[in-house]
């Protein structure tokens, strides 16, 4: 298989930053923009966001935090109460159960404070590497890379990596992507992947990178 040439990364990110600022729509990746400014709120909102539209996640998060904005308060609520507060996020019943377990675990094991390492975060119920990475970036300003399906797909299309899974992509991007872009690659590529570079339809003429993308249709 012919190796895909690597996109000029500095040029790509410069163009994406300008493009994202001019959009009427962008995914609610930065949950702090919606007032979710504590590590716990960011963690809980990120958990709720899985397989759920951003607007629904934001509404559910605000409903939850109006009633319970700390792990301690959340752990005191029943699964039924939590499910009612976060409805209609996807799999709301399962997420309510996980949210209660998550809150209780943070209270019991970490004194109510969200842990600040990937290793500790991924021991929490319902918290995978993607969620943990995003929380480290947004809540603690750590240098991490958050990889979802969009970041995985586009990073391969750009020739930055040649990988089969998102976790492989995260590991390889740490070798190939300049550290200054680690914190923002998720926001930029998810926005791109949800708008003009969707999995089933690449609208290359609308893309801000149409002149430099090695994977353009």
N, C-alpha and C. Protein backbone atom coordinates (compact mmCIF):
# COMPACT_ATOMS: atom_id res chain seq x y z
N UNK A 1 0.84 -1.20 0.00
CA UNK A 1 0.00 0.00 0.00
C UNK A 1 0.88 1.25 0.00
N UNK A 2 0.54 2.19 -0.85
CA UNK A 2 1.31 3.42 -0.95
C UNK A 2 1.13 4.25 0.31
N UNK A 3 2.24 4.72 0.87
CA UNK A 3 2.19 5.50 2.10
C UNK A 3 1.63 6.89 1.79
N UNK A 4 0.70 7.35 2.64
CA UNK A 4 0.09 8.66 2.47
C UNK A 4 1.09 9.73 2.93
N UNK A 5 1.32 10.76 2.13
CA UNK A 5 2.23 11.82 2.56
C UNK A 5 1.64 12.58 3.75
N UNK A 6 2.48 13.04 4.64
CA UNK A 6 2.00 13.73 5.83
C UNK A 6 1.60 15.17 5.52
N UNK A 7 0.48 15.56 6.08
CA UNK A 7 0.01 16.93 5.89
C UNK A 7 0.99 17.90 6.54
N UNK A 8 1.19 19.10 5.99
CA UNK A 8 2.02 20.11 6.66
C UNK A 8 1.31 20.58 7.93
N UNK A 9 1.73 20.07 9.07
CA UNK A 9 0.94 20.16 10.30
C UNK A 9 0.78 21.58 10.81
N UNK A 10 1.84 22.39 10.75
CA UNK A 10 1.71 23.78 11.22
C UNK A 10 0.71 24.55 10.37
N UNK A 11 0.77 24.37 9.09
CA UNK A 11 -0.15 25.04 8.18
C UNK A 11 -1.58 24.57 8.42
N UNK A 12 -1.75 23.27 8.69
CA UNK A 12 -3.08 22.71 8.92
C UNK A 12 -3.72 23.29 10.17
N UNK A 13 -2.99 23.33 11.26
CA UNK A 13 -3.57 23.84 12.51
C UNK A 13 -3.81 25.34 12.45
N UNK A 14 -2.95 26.07 11.77
CA UNK A 14 -3.18 27.51 11.62
C UNK A 14 -4.49 27.76 10.87
N UNK A 15 -4.74 26.99 9.82
CA UNK A 15 -5.96 27.14 9.03
C UNK A 15 -7.19 26.70 9.83
N UNK A 16 -7.07 25.62 10.58
CA UNK A 16 -8.19 25.12 11.37
C UNK A 16 -8.61 26.09 12.46
N UNK A 17 -7.64 26.71 13.11
CA UNK A 17 -7.96 27.66 14.17
C UNK A 17 -8.78 28.82 13.64
N UNK A 18 -8.40 29.34 12.51
CA UNK A 18 -9.13 30.44 11.89
C UNK A 18 -10.53 29.99 11.48
N UNK A 19 -10.61 28.81 10.89
CA UNK A 19 -11.89 28.27 10.41
C UNK A 19 -12.87 28.03 11.54
N UNK A 20 -12.40 27.42 12.64
CA UNK A 20 -13.28 27.11 13.77
C UNK A 20 -13.86 28.38 14.38
N UNK A 21 -13.06 29.42 14.48
CA UNK A 21 -13.54 30.68 15.05
C UNK A 21 -14.67 31.29 14.23
N UNK A 22 -14.69 31.01 12.93
CA UNK A 22 -15.71 31.59 12.07
C UNK A 22 -16.96 30.76 11.92
N UNK A 23 -17.03 29.62 12.59
CA UNK A 23 -18.19 28.74 12.46
C UNK A 23 -19.36 29.21 13.31
N UNK A 24 -20.57 29.03 12.79
CA UNK A 24 -21.77 29.24 13.59
C UNK A 24 -21.99 28.05 14.52
N UNK A 25 -21.47 26.90 14.11
CA UNK A 25 -21.62 25.68 14.90
C UNK A 25 -20.25 25.08 15.18
N UNK A 26 -20.07 24.66 16.39
CA UNK A 26 -18.90 23.86 16.74
C UNK A 26 -19.32 22.95 17.88
N UNK A 27 -18.80 21.74 17.94
CA UNK A 27 -19.18 20.82 19.01
C UNK A 27 -18.83 21.39 20.38
N UNK A 28 -19.61 21.04 21.37
CA UNK A 28 -19.31 21.50 22.72
C UNK A 28 -18.22 20.60 23.30
N UNK A 29 -17.03 20.72 22.76
CA UNK A 29 -15.90 19.96 23.26
C UNK A 29 -15.41 20.58 24.55
N UNK A 30 -15.32 21.91 24.56
CA UNK A 30 -14.86 22.61 25.74
C UNK A 30 -16.05 22.81 26.68
N UNK A 31 -16.24 21.88 27.59
CA UNK A 31 -17.40 21.92 28.45
C UNK A 31 -17.35 23.08 29.43
N UNK A 32 -16.16 23.66 29.64
CA UNK A 32 -16.05 24.82 30.50
C UNK A 32 -16.83 26.00 29.94
N UNK A 33 -16.99 26.01 28.61
CA UNK A 33 -17.73 27.10 27.97
C UNK A 33 -19.20 27.08 28.37
N UNK A 34 -19.68 25.93 28.81
CA UNK A 34 -21.08 25.80 29.23
C UNK A 34 -21.22 25.97 30.75
N UNK A 35 -20.16 26.43 31.41
CA UNK A 35 -20.22 26.66 32.84
C UNK A 35 -19.82 25.47 33.68
N UNK A 36 -19.32 24.43 33.04
CA UNK A 36 -18.92 23.24 33.78
C UNK A 36 -17.42 23.36 34.07
N UNK A 37 -17.11 24.12 35.12
CA UNK A 37 -15.75 24.58 35.31
C UNK A 37 -14.97 23.86 36.40
N UNK A 38 -15.51 22.80 36.97
CA UNK A 38 -14.76 22.05 37.98
C UNK A 38 -14.38 20.69 37.41
N UNK A 39 -13.33 20.06 37.95
CA UNK A 39 -12.95 18.73 37.45
C UNK A 39 -14.10 17.72 37.51
N UNK A 40 -14.90 17.76 38.59
CA UNK A 40 -16.01 16.83 38.68
C UNK A 40 -17.06 17.09 37.60
N UNK A 41 -17.40 18.34 37.38
CA UNK A 41 -18.41 18.66 36.37
C UNK A 41 -17.92 18.27 34.98
N UNK A 42 -16.65 18.51 34.71
CA UNK A 42 -16.09 18.12 33.42
C UNK A 42 -16.11 16.61 33.24
N UNK A 43 -15.76 15.89 34.29
CA UNK A 43 -15.76 14.43 34.22
C UNK A 43 -17.17 13.89 34.02
N UNK A 44 -18.10 14.38 34.81
CA UNK A 44 -19.49 13.90 34.70
C UNK A 44 -20.08 14.25 33.34
N UNK A 45 -19.85 15.46 32.86
CA UNK A 45 -20.39 15.87 31.56
C UNK A 45 -19.80 15.05 30.42
N UNK A 46 -18.50 14.77 30.52
CA UNK A 46 -17.86 13.97 29.49
C UNK A 46 -18.43 12.56 29.46
N UNK A 47 -18.70 12.01 30.62
CA UNK A 47 -19.32 10.68 30.68
C UNK A 47 -20.71 10.71 30.04
N UNK A 48 -21.47 11.75 30.33
CA UNK A 48 -22.82 11.86 29.77
C UNK A 48 -22.81 12.05 28.26
N UNK A 49 -21.73 12.60 27.72
CA UNK A 49 -21.70 12.99 26.31
C UNK A 49 -21.58 11.81 25.34
N UNK A 50 -21.19 10.63 25.85
CA UNK A 50 -21.00 9.49 24.96
C UNK A 50 -22.29 9.15 24.22
N UNK A 51 -22.21 9.08 22.88
CA UNK A 51 -23.35 8.73 22.02
C UNK A 51 -24.54 9.66 22.25
N UNK A 52 -24.26 10.91 22.51
CA UNK A 52 -25.31 11.89 22.77
C UNK A 52 -24.95 13.20 22.08
N UNK A 53 -25.93 13.87 21.51
CA UNK A 53 -25.68 15.15 20.86
C UNK A 53 -25.27 16.19 21.89
N UNK A 54 -24.42 17.13 21.46
CA UNK A 54 -23.85 18.11 22.37
C UNK A 54 -24.91 18.94 23.10
N UNK A 55 -25.94 19.36 22.38
CA UNK A 55 -26.98 20.18 23.00
C UNK A 55 -27.71 19.41 24.10
N UNK A 56 -27.92 18.12 23.88
CA UNK A 56 -28.59 17.27 24.88
C UNK A 56 -27.69 17.10 26.10
N UNK A 57 -26.39 16.89 25.86
CA UNK A 57 -25.44 16.75 26.96
C UNK A 57 -25.42 18.01 27.82
N UNK A 58 -25.38 19.17 27.17
CA UNK A 58 -25.33 20.43 27.91
C UNK A 58 -26.59 20.62 28.77
N UNK A 59 -27.76 20.32 28.20
CA UNK A 59 -29.01 20.46 28.94
C UNK A 59 -29.06 19.50 30.13
N UNK A 60 -28.65 18.25 29.90
CA UNK A 60 -28.67 17.25 30.96
C UNK A 60 -27.67 17.59 32.06
N UNK A 61 -26.52 18.10 31.66
CA UNK A 61 -25.50 18.46 32.65
C UNK A 61 -25.99 19.60 33.54
N UNK A 62 -26.62 20.59 32.93
CA UNK A 62 -27.13 21.71 33.73
C UNK A 62 -28.23 21.25 34.69
N UNK A 63 -29.06 20.33 34.23
CA UNK A 63 -30.11 19.79 35.08
C UNK A 63 -29.50 19.03 36.26
N UNK A 64 -28.50 18.23 35.99
CA UNK A 64 -27.84 17.46 37.04
C UNK A 64 -27.16 18.37 38.05
N UNK A 65 -26.39 19.36 37.55
CA UNK A 65 -25.59 20.18 38.44
C UNK A 65 -26.43 21.17 39.25
N UNK A 66 -27.63 21.45 38.78
CA UNK A 66 -28.53 22.30 39.57
C UNK A 66 -28.96 21.58 40.85
N UNK A 67 -28.94 20.25 40.79
CA UNK A 67 -29.35 19.43 41.94
C UNK A 67 -28.14 18.90 42.70
N UNK A 68 -27.12 18.50 41.95
CA UNK A 68 -25.94 17.88 42.56
C UNK A 68 -24.70 18.26 41.76
N UNK A 69 -23.89 19.14 42.33
CA UNK A 69 -22.73 19.63 41.59
C UNK A 69 -21.39 19.15 42.16
N UNK A 70 -21.43 18.17 43.07
CA UNK A 70 -20.22 17.58 43.63
C UNK A 70 -20.38 16.06 43.66
N UNK A 71 -19.27 15.32 43.79
CA UNK A 71 -19.39 13.86 43.92
C UNK A 71 -20.22 13.47 45.13
N UNK A 72 -20.04 14.20 46.24
CA UNK A 72 -20.76 13.86 47.46
C UNK A 72 -22.27 13.97 47.26
N UNK A 73 -22.72 15.07 46.68
CA UNK A 73 -24.15 15.27 46.45
C UNK A 73 -24.70 14.26 45.44
N UNK A 74 -23.90 13.94 44.44
CA UNK A 74 -24.33 12.99 43.41
C UNK A 74 -24.48 11.59 43.99
N UNK A 75 -23.54 11.21 44.83
CA UNK A 75 -23.59 9.87 45.44
C UNK A 75 -24.80 9.68 46.34
N UNK A 76 -25.32 10.79 46.86
CA UNK A 76 -26.48 10.71 47.75
C UNK A 76 -27.79 10.47 47.01
N UNK A 77 -27.81 10.76 45.71
CA UNK A 77 -29.04 10.59 44.93
C UNK A 77 -29.21 9.13 44.52
N UNK A 78 -30.45 8.72 44.33
CA UNK A 78 -30.72 7.37 43.85
C UNK A 78 -30.48 7.30 42.35
N UNK A 79 -30.34 6.09 41.83
CA UNK A 79 -30.19 5.90 40.39
C UNK A 79 -31.41 6.45 39.66
N UNK A 80 -32.59 6.27 40.24
CA UNK A 80 -33.82 6.77 39.62
C UNK A 80 -33.80 8.29 39.53
N UNK A 81 -33.35 8.95 40.60
CA UNK A 81 -33.28 10.42 40.58
C UNK A 81 -32.28 10.91 39.55
N UNK A 82 -31.14 10.23 39.48
CA UNK A 82 -30.12 10.61 38.51
C UNK A 82 -30.61 10.40 37.08
N UNK A 83 -31.27 9.28 36.85
CA UNK A 83 -31.79 8.99 35.52
C UNK A 83 -32.78 10.05 35.07
N UNK A 84 -33.61 10.50 35.99
CA UNK A 84 -34.60 11.54 35.66
C UNK A 84 -33.90 12.87 35.33
N UNK A 85 -32.85 13.18 36.06
CA UNK A 85 -32.14 14.44 35.85
C UNK A 85 -31.40 14.48 34.52
N UNK A 86 -30.83 13.34 34.10
CA UNK A 86 -30.00 13.35 32.89
C UNK A 86 -30.75 12.94 31.63
N UNK A 87 -31.97 12.48 31.75
CA UNK A 87 -32.78 12.15 30.57
C UNK A 87 -32.91 13.38 29.68
N UNK A 88 -32.79 13.26 28.32
CA UNK A 88 -32.76 12.04 27.51
C UNK A 88 -31.40 11.71 26.91
N UNK A 89 -30.31 11.83 27.66
CA UNK A 89 -29.03 11.41 27.09
C UNK A 89 -29.08 9.94 26.71
N UNK A 90 -28.26 9.55 25.76
CA UNK A 90 -28.24 8.16 25.33
C UNK A 90 -27.89 7.22 26.46
N UNK A 91 -28.62 6.11 26.57
CA UNK A 91 -28.37 5.10 27.61
C UNK A 91 -28.42 5.73 29.01
N UNK A 92 -29.42 6.58 29.23
CA UNK A 92 -29.46 7.37 30.45
C UNK A 92 -29.54 6.52 31.71
N UNK A 93 -30.21 5.37 31.64
CA UNK A 93 -30.32 4.52 32.82
C UNK A 93 -28.94 3.95 33.19
N UNK A 94 -28.24 3.44 32.20
CA UNK A 94 -26.90 2.90 32.45
C UNK A 94 -25.96 4.00 32.92
N UNK A 95 -26.06 5.18 32.32
CA UNK A 95 -25.20 6.29 32.72
C UNK A 95 -25.52 6.75 34.13
N UNK A 96 -26.79 6.70 34.52
CA UNK A 96 -27.16 7.06 35.89
C UNK A 96 -26.51 6.10 36.89
N UNK A 97 -26.53 4.81 36.58
CA UNK A 97 -25.89 3.82 37.43
C UNK A 97 -24.38 4.06 37.52
N UNK A 98 -23.77 4.32 36.35
CA UNK A 98 -22.33 4.57 36.33
C UNK A 98 -21.97 5.86 37.05
N UNK A 99 -22.82 6.86 36.92
CA UNK A 99 -22.57 8.16 37.55
C UNK A 99 -22.58 8.02 39.07
N UNK A 100 -23.52 7.26 39.59
CA UNK A 100 -23.60 7.05 41.04
C UNK A 100 -22.37 6.28 41.53
N UNK A 101 -21.99 5.23 40.80
CA UNK A 101 -20.79 4.46 41.17
C UNK A 101 -19.54 5.33 41.09
N UNK A 102 -19.47 6.15 40.05
CA UNK A 102 -18.32 7.02 39.86
C UNK A 102 -18.19 8.01 41.01
N UNK A 103 -19.29 8.65 41.36
CA UNK A 103 -19.28 9.62 42.45
C UNK A 103 -18.88 8.97 43.77
N UNK A 104 -19.46 7.81 44.05
CA UNK A 104 -19.15 7.12 45.30
C UNK A 104 -17.69 6.70 45.36
N UNK A 105 -17.16 6.25 44.23
CA UNK A 105 -15.76 5.81 44.18
C UNK A 105 -14.81 6.97 44.42
N UNK A 106 -15.13 8.12 43.83
CA UNK A 106 -14.28 9.31 44.03
C UNK A 106 -14.32 9.76 45.49
N UNK A 107 -15.49 9.69 46.10
CA UNK A 107 -15.62 10.05 47.52
C UNK A 107 -14.85 9.07 48.40
N UNK A 108 -15.05 7.77 48.15
CA UNK A 108 -14.45 6.75 49.01
C UNK A 108 -12.94 6.64 48.84
N UNK A 109 -12.48 6.69 47.60
CA UNK A 109 -11.06 6.43 47.33
C UNK A 109 -10.20 7.68 47.23
N UNK A 110 -10.82 8.81 46.85
CA UNK A 110 -10.02 10.00 46.60
C UNK A 110 -10.50 11.23 47.39
N UNK A 111 -11.31 10.98 48.44
CA UNK A 111 -11.72 12.07 49.30
C UNK A 111 -12.56 13.13 48.61
N UNK A 112 -13.25 12.73 47.54
CA UNK A 112 -14.11 13.67 46.82
C UNK A 112 -13.40 14.49 45.77
N UNK A 113 -12.10 14.26 45.57
CA UNK A 113 -11.32 14.98 44.57
C UNK A 113 -11.07 14.12 43.35
N UNK A 114 -11.32 14.65 42.17
CA UNK A 114 -11.05 13.92 40.93
C UNK A 114 -9.55 13.69 40.80
N UNK A 115 -9.12 12.44 40.61
CA UNK A 115 -7.67 12.18 40.49
C UNK A 115 -7.08 12.84 39.25
N UNK A 116 -5.77 13.05 39.29
CA UNK A 116 -5.11 13.83 38.24
C UNK A 116 -4.10 13.05 37.42
N UNK A 117 -4.25 11.73 37.38
CA UNK A 117 -3.40 10.93 36.50
C UNK A 117 -4.25 10.02 35.64
N UNK A 118 -3.74 9.70 34.47
CA UNK A 118 -4.47 8.81 33.56
C UNK A 118 -4.67 7.45 34.20
N UNK A 119 -3.66 6.99 34.91
CA UNK A 119 -3.73 5.66 35.53
C UNK A 119 -4.85 5.59 36.58
N UNK A 120 -4.95 6.63 37.41
CA UNK A 120 -5.99 6.64 38.44
C UNK A 120 -7.37 6.88 37.85
N UNK A 121 -7.46 7.80 36.91
CA UNK A 121 -8.76 8.10 36.30
C UNK A 121 -9.36 6.87 35.63
N UNK A 122 -8.55 6.09 34.96
CA UNK A 122 -9.07 4.93 34.24
C UNK A 122 -9.41 3.75 35.15
N UNK A 123 -9.17 3.89 36.45
CA UNK A 123 -9.65 2.87 37.40
C UNK A 123 -11.07 3.18 37.87
N UNK A 124 -11.58 4.37 37.51
CA UNK A 124 -12.92 4.76 37.94
C UNK A 124 -13.98 4.11 37.06
N UNK A 125 -15.16 3.80 37.62
CA UNK A 125 -16.23 3.16 36.85
C UNK A 125 -16.67 4.01 35.66
N UNK A 126 -16.68 3.40 34.48
CA UNK A 126 -17.17 4.08 33.29
C UNK A 126 -16.22 5.08 32.67
N UNK A 127 -14.98 5.15 33.15
CA UNK A 127 -14.01 6.12 32.63
C UNK A 127 -12.94 5.39 31.82
N UNK A 128 -12.94 5.64 30.51
CA UNK A 128 -11.93 5.07 29.63
C UNK A 128 -10.84 6.07 29.34
N UNK A 129 -9.93 5.69 28.48
CA UNK A 129 -8.77 6.54 28.17
C UNK A 129 -9.21 7.85 27.52
N UNK A 130 -10.20 7.79 26.63
CA UNK A 130 -10.65 9.01 25.95
C UNK A 130 -11.19 10.03 26.95
N UNK A 131 -12.08 9.59 27.84
CA UNK A 131 -12.65 10.48 28.85
C UNK A 131 -11.56 11.00 29.78
N UNK A 132 -10.70 10.11 30.23
CA UNK A 132 -9.63 10.50 31.15
C UNK A 132 -8.72 11.54 30.51
N UNK A 133 -8.38 11.33 29.25
CA UNK A 133 -7.49 12.27 28.55
C UNK A 133 -8.12 13.64 28.44
N UNK A 134 -9.40 13.69 28.09
CA UNK A 134 -10.09 14.97 27.94
C UNK A 134 -10.16 15.71 29.26
N UNK A 135 -10.42 15.00 30.34
CA UNK A 135 -10.48 15.62 31.67
C UNK A 135 -9.11 16.16 32.08
N UNK A 136 -8.06 15.43 31.81
CA UNK A 136 -6.72 15.90 32.14
C UNK A 136 -6.39 17.19 31.39
N UNK A 137 -6.80 17.25 30.12
CA UNK A 137 -6.54 18.44 29.32
C UNK A 137 -7.36 19.63 29.81
N UNK A 138 -8.67 19.42 29.93
CA UNK A 138 -9.58 20.53 30.20
C UNK A 138 -9.62 20.94 31.67
N UNK A 139 -9.53 19.97 32.58
CA UNK A 139 -9.65 20.29 34.01
C UNK A 139 -8.32 20.63 34.64
N UNK A 140 -7.24 20.00 34.15
CA UNK A 140 -5.95 20.16 34.81
C UNK A 140 -4.86 20.73 33.90
N UNK A 141 -5.23 21.10 32.67
CA UNK A 141 -4.30 21.72 31.73
C UNK A 141 -3.04 20.86 31.51
N UNK A 142 -3.25 19.54 31.44
CA UNK A 142 -2.13 18.63 31.21
C UNK A 142 -1.94 18.40 29.72
N UNK A 143 -0.70 18.06 29.36
CA UNK A 143 -0.42 17.70 27.97
C UNK A 143 -0.82 16.24 27.75
N UNK A 144 -1.96 16.05 27.11
CA UNK A 144 -2.46 14.72 26.75
C UNK A 144 -3.07 14.83 25.36
N UNK A 145 -3.38 13.69 24.78
CA UNK A 145 -4.05 13.65 23.48
C UNK A 145 -5.32 12.83 23.64
N UNK A 146 -6.45 13.45 23.32
CA UNK A 146 -7.75 12.78 23.40
C UNK A 146 -8.13 12.31 22.00
N UNK A 147 -8.26 11.01 21.84
CA UNK A 147 -8.53 10.44 20.51
C UNK A 147 -9.90 9.76 20.49
N UNK A 148 -10.78 10.26 19.63
CA UNK A 148 -12.04 9.58 19.36
C UNK A 148 -12.00 9.06 17.93
N UNK A 149 -13.13 8.65 17.40
CA UNK A 149 -13.13 8.06 16.06
C UNK A 149 -12.75 9.08 14.99
N UNK A 150 -13.15 10.36 15.18
CA UNK A 150 -12.79 11.39 14.21
C UNK A 150 -11.28 11.64 14.20
N UNK A 151 -10.70 11.78 15.38
CA UNK A 151 -9.25 12.02 15.47
C UNK A 151 -8.49 10.84 14.88
N UNK A 152 -8.94 9.64 15.19
CA UNK A 152 -8.31 8.43 14.66
C UNK A 152 -8.38 8.39 13.14
N UNK A 153 -9.56 8.62 12.61
CA UNK A 153 -9.76 8.54 11.16
C UNK A 153 -8.98 9.61 10.40
N UNK A 154 -9.08 10.85 10.86
CA UNK A 154 -8.45 11.95 10.14
C UNK A 154 -6.93 11.92 10.29
N UNK A 155 -6.44 11.52 11.46
CA UNK A 155 -4.98 11.41 11.65
C UNK A 155 -4.38 10.41 10.67
N UNK A 156 -5.09 9.31 10.42
CA UNK A 156 -4.64 8.34 9.43
C UNK A 156 -4.74 8.91 8.02
N UNK A 157 -5.83 9.64 7.74
CA UNK A 157 -6.02 10.23 6.43
C UNK A 157 -4.95 11.28 6.13
N UNK A 158 -4.49 11.96 7.17
CA UNK A 158 -3.46 12.98 7.02
C UNK A 158 -2.05 12.42 6.94
N UNK A 159 -1.90 11.11 7.16
CA UNK A 159 -0.57 10.52 7.13
C UNK A 159 0.24 10.74 8.39
N UNK A 160 -0.42 11.18 9.47
CA UNK A 160 0.30 11.38 10.73
C UNK A 160 0.61 10.06 11.40
N UNK A 161 -0.27 9.09 11.23
CA UNK A 161 -0.10 7.75 11.81
C UNK A 161 -0.60 6.72 10.81
N UNK A 162 -0.28 5.49 11.09
CA UNK A 162 -0.82 4.36 10.33
C UNK A 162 -1.24 3.31 11.34
N UNK A 163 -2.48 3.44 11.84
CA UNK A 163 -2.93 2.66 12.98
C UNK A 163 -4.31 2.06 12.73
N UNK A 164 -4.65 1.09 13.58
CA UNK A 164 -5.93 0.38 13.43
C UNK A 164 -6.96 0.79 14.48
N UNK A 165 -6.53 1.30 15.62
CA UNK A 165 -7.47 1.62 16.70
C UNK A 165 -7.17 3.02 17.26
N UNK A 166 -8.18 3.65 17.90
CA UNK A 166 -7.95 4.96 18.52
C UNK A 166 -6.82 4.95 19.55
N UNK A 167 -6.72 3.89 20.34
CA UNK A 167 -5.65 3.85 21.35
C UNK A 167 -4.28 3.76 20.70
N UNK A 168 -4.16 3.00 19.63
CA UNK A 168 -2.90 2.98 18.88
C UNK A 168 -2.59 4.37 18.34
N UNK A 169 -3.62 5.06 17.87
CA UNK A 169 -3.43 6.41 17.34
C UNK A 169 -2.93 7.35 18.42
N UNK A 170 -3.50 7.26 19.62
CA UNK A 170 -3.06 8.13 20.72
C UNK A 170 -1.58 7.92 21.02
N UNK A 171 -1.17 6.67 21.07
CA UNK A 171 0.23 6.35 21.36
C UNK A 171 1.14 6.87 20.26
N UNK A 172 0.76 6.66 19.00
CA UNK A 172 1.61 7.06 17.88
C UNK A 172 1.64 8.57 17.68
N UNK A 173 0.50 9.25 17.95
CA UNK A 173 0.48 10.70 17.82
C UNK A 173 1.46 11.36 18.80
N UNK A 174 1.66 10.73 19.94
CA UNK A 174 2.62 11.27 20.90
C UNK A 174 4.05 11.24 20.35
N UNK A 175 4.26 10.43 19.34
CA UNK A 175 5.57 10.34 18.72
C UNK A 175 5.69 11.28 17.52
N UNK A 176 4.57 11.52 16.83
CA UNK A 176 4.63 12.26 15.55
C UNK A 176 4.09 13.67 15.62
N UNK A 177 3.21 13.97 16.58
CA UNK A 177 2.57 15.27 16.64
C UNK A 177 3.32 16.19 17.60
N UNK A 178 3.71 17.38 17.15
CA UNK A 178 4.36 18.33 18.07
C UNK A 178 3.52 18.54 19.33
N UNK A 179 4.17 18.58 20.47
CA UNK A 179 3.46 18.65 21.75
C UNK A 179 2.55 19.85 21.86
N UNK A 180 2.90 20.93 21.18
CA UNK A 180 2.09 22.15 21.26
C UNK A 180 0.68 21.96 20.72
N UNK A 181 0.46 20.87 19.94
CA UNK A 181 -0.86 20.61 19.38
C UNK A 181 -1.63 19.52 20.13
N UNK A 182 -1.04 18.91 21.14
CA UNK A 182 -1.68 17.79 21.82
C UNK A 182 -3.04 18.17 22.40
N UNK A 183 -3.10 19.29 23.09
CA UNK A 183 -4.33 19.65 23.81
C UNK A 183 -5.47 20.01 22.88
N UNK A 184 -5.16 20.49 21.67
CA UNK A 184 -6.21 21.01 20.80
C UNK A 184 -6.62 20.09 19.66
N UNK A 185 -5.87 19.03 19.42
CA UNK A 185 -6.16 18.21 18.24
C UNK A 185 -7.57 17.63 18.29
N UNK A 186 -8.05 17.28 19.48
CA UNK A 186 -9.40 16.72 19.58
C UNK A 186 -10.44 17.75 19.16
N UNK A 187 -10.33 18.95 19.68
CA UNK A 187 -11.32 19.98 19.36
C UNK A 187 -11.33 20.30 17.87
N UNK A 188 -10.16 20.45 17.29
CA UNK A 188 -10.09 20.81 15.88
C UNK A 188 -10.59 19.69 14.97
N UNK A 189 -10.16 18.46 15.24
CA UNK A 189 -10.51 17.36 14.33
C UNK A 189 -11.92 16.85 14.53
N UNK A 190 -12.44 16.94 15.76
CA UNK A 190 -13.85 16.56 15.96
C UNK A 190 -14.76 17.56 15.24
N UNK A 191 -14.42 18.83 15.34
CA UNK A 191 -15.20 19.84 14.62
C UNK A 191 -15.16 19.58 13.12
N UNK A 192 -13.99 19.31 12.60
CA UNK A 192 -13.83 19.01 11.17
C UNK A 192 -14.60 17.75 10.80
N UNK A 193 -14.48 16.72 11.64
CA UNK A 193 -15.10 15.43 11.36
C UNK A 193 -16.61 15.42 11.46
N UNK A 194 -17.17 16.36 12.23
CA UNK A 194 -18.63 16.43 12.37
C UNK A 194 -19.28 17.36 11.35
N UNK A 195 -18.45 18.12 10.63
CA UNK A 195 -19.02 19.11 9.72
C UNK A 195 -18.72 18.80 8.25
N UNK A 196 -17.48 18.96 7.83
CA UNK A 196 -17.18 18.82 6.40
C UNK A 196 -16.41 17.54 6.05
N UNK A 197 -15.82 16.90 7.04
CA UNK A 197 -15.05 15.68 6.76
C UNK A 197 -15.67 14.50 7.50
N UNK A 198 -16.96 14.31 7.26
CA UNK A 198 -17.70 13.26 7.94
C UNK A 198 -17.28 11.88 7.41
N UNK A 199 -17.47 10.84 8.20
CA UNK A 199 -17.02 9.49 7.79
C UNK A 199 -17.59 9.03 6.46
N UNK A 200 -18.84 9.38 6.19
CA UNK A 200 -19.49 8.89 4.98
C UNK A 200 -19.57 9.93 3.86
N UNK A 201 -19.15 11.16 4.15
CA UNK A 201 -19.24 12.20 3.13
C UNK A 201 -18.18 13.27 3.37
N UNK A 202 -17.22 13.34 2.47
CA UNK A 202 -16.19 14.37 2.54
C UNK A 202 -16.57 15.53 1.62
N UNK A 203 -16.88 16.67 2.21
CA UNK A 203 -17.20 17.86 1.41
C UNK A 203 -15.93 18.68 1.22
N UNK A 204 -15.05 18.17 0.38
CA UNK A 204 -13.70 18.72 0.25
C UNK A 204 -13.69 20.17 -0.21
N UNK A 205 -14.66 20.56 -1.01
CA UNK A 205 -14.67 21.94 -1.49
C UNK A 205 -14.95 22.94 -0.38
N UNK A 206 -15.59 22.47 0.70
CA UNK A 206 -15.87 23.34 1.85
C UNK A 206 -14.76 23.30 2.89
N UNK A 207 -13.82 22.41 2.73
CA UNK A 207 -12.81 22.17 3.76
C UNK A 207 -11.74 23.26 3.76
N UNK A 208 -11.37 23.75 4.94
CA UNK A 208 -10.32 24.77 5.00
C UNK A 208 -8.93 24.23 4.63
N UNK A 209 -8.83 22.92 4.52
CA UNK A 209 -7.55 22.29 4.21
C UNK A 209 -7.53 21.66 2.81
N UNK A 210 -8.45 22.07 1.96
CA UNK A 210 -8.61 21.41 0.67
C UNK A 210 -7.36 21.49 -0.21
N UNK A 211 -6.53 22.51 0.00
CA UNK A 211 -5.34 22.66 -0.82
C UNK A 211 -4.14 21.86 -0.32
N UNK A 212 -4.21 21.39 0.93
CA UNK A 212 -3.04 20.71 1.51
C UNK A 212 -3.33 19.31 2.02
N UNK A 213 -4.60 18.89 2.07
CA UNK A 213 -4.94 17.58 2.61
C UNK A 213 -4.50 16.46 1.69
N UNK A 214 -3.67 15.52 2.16
CA UNK A 214 -3.22 14.42 1.32
C UNK A 214 -4.29 13.36 1.07
N UNK A 215 -5.38 13.41 1.84
CA UNK A 215 -6.42 12.40 1.69
C UNK A 215 -7.68 12.91 1.05
N UNK A 216 -7.63 14.07 0.43
CA UNK A 216 -8.83 14.66 -0.16
C UNK A 216 -9.36 13.77 -1.27
N UNK A 217 -10.69 13.78 -1.40
CA UNK A 217 -11.35 12.93 -2.41
C UNK A 217 -11.04 13.42 -3.82
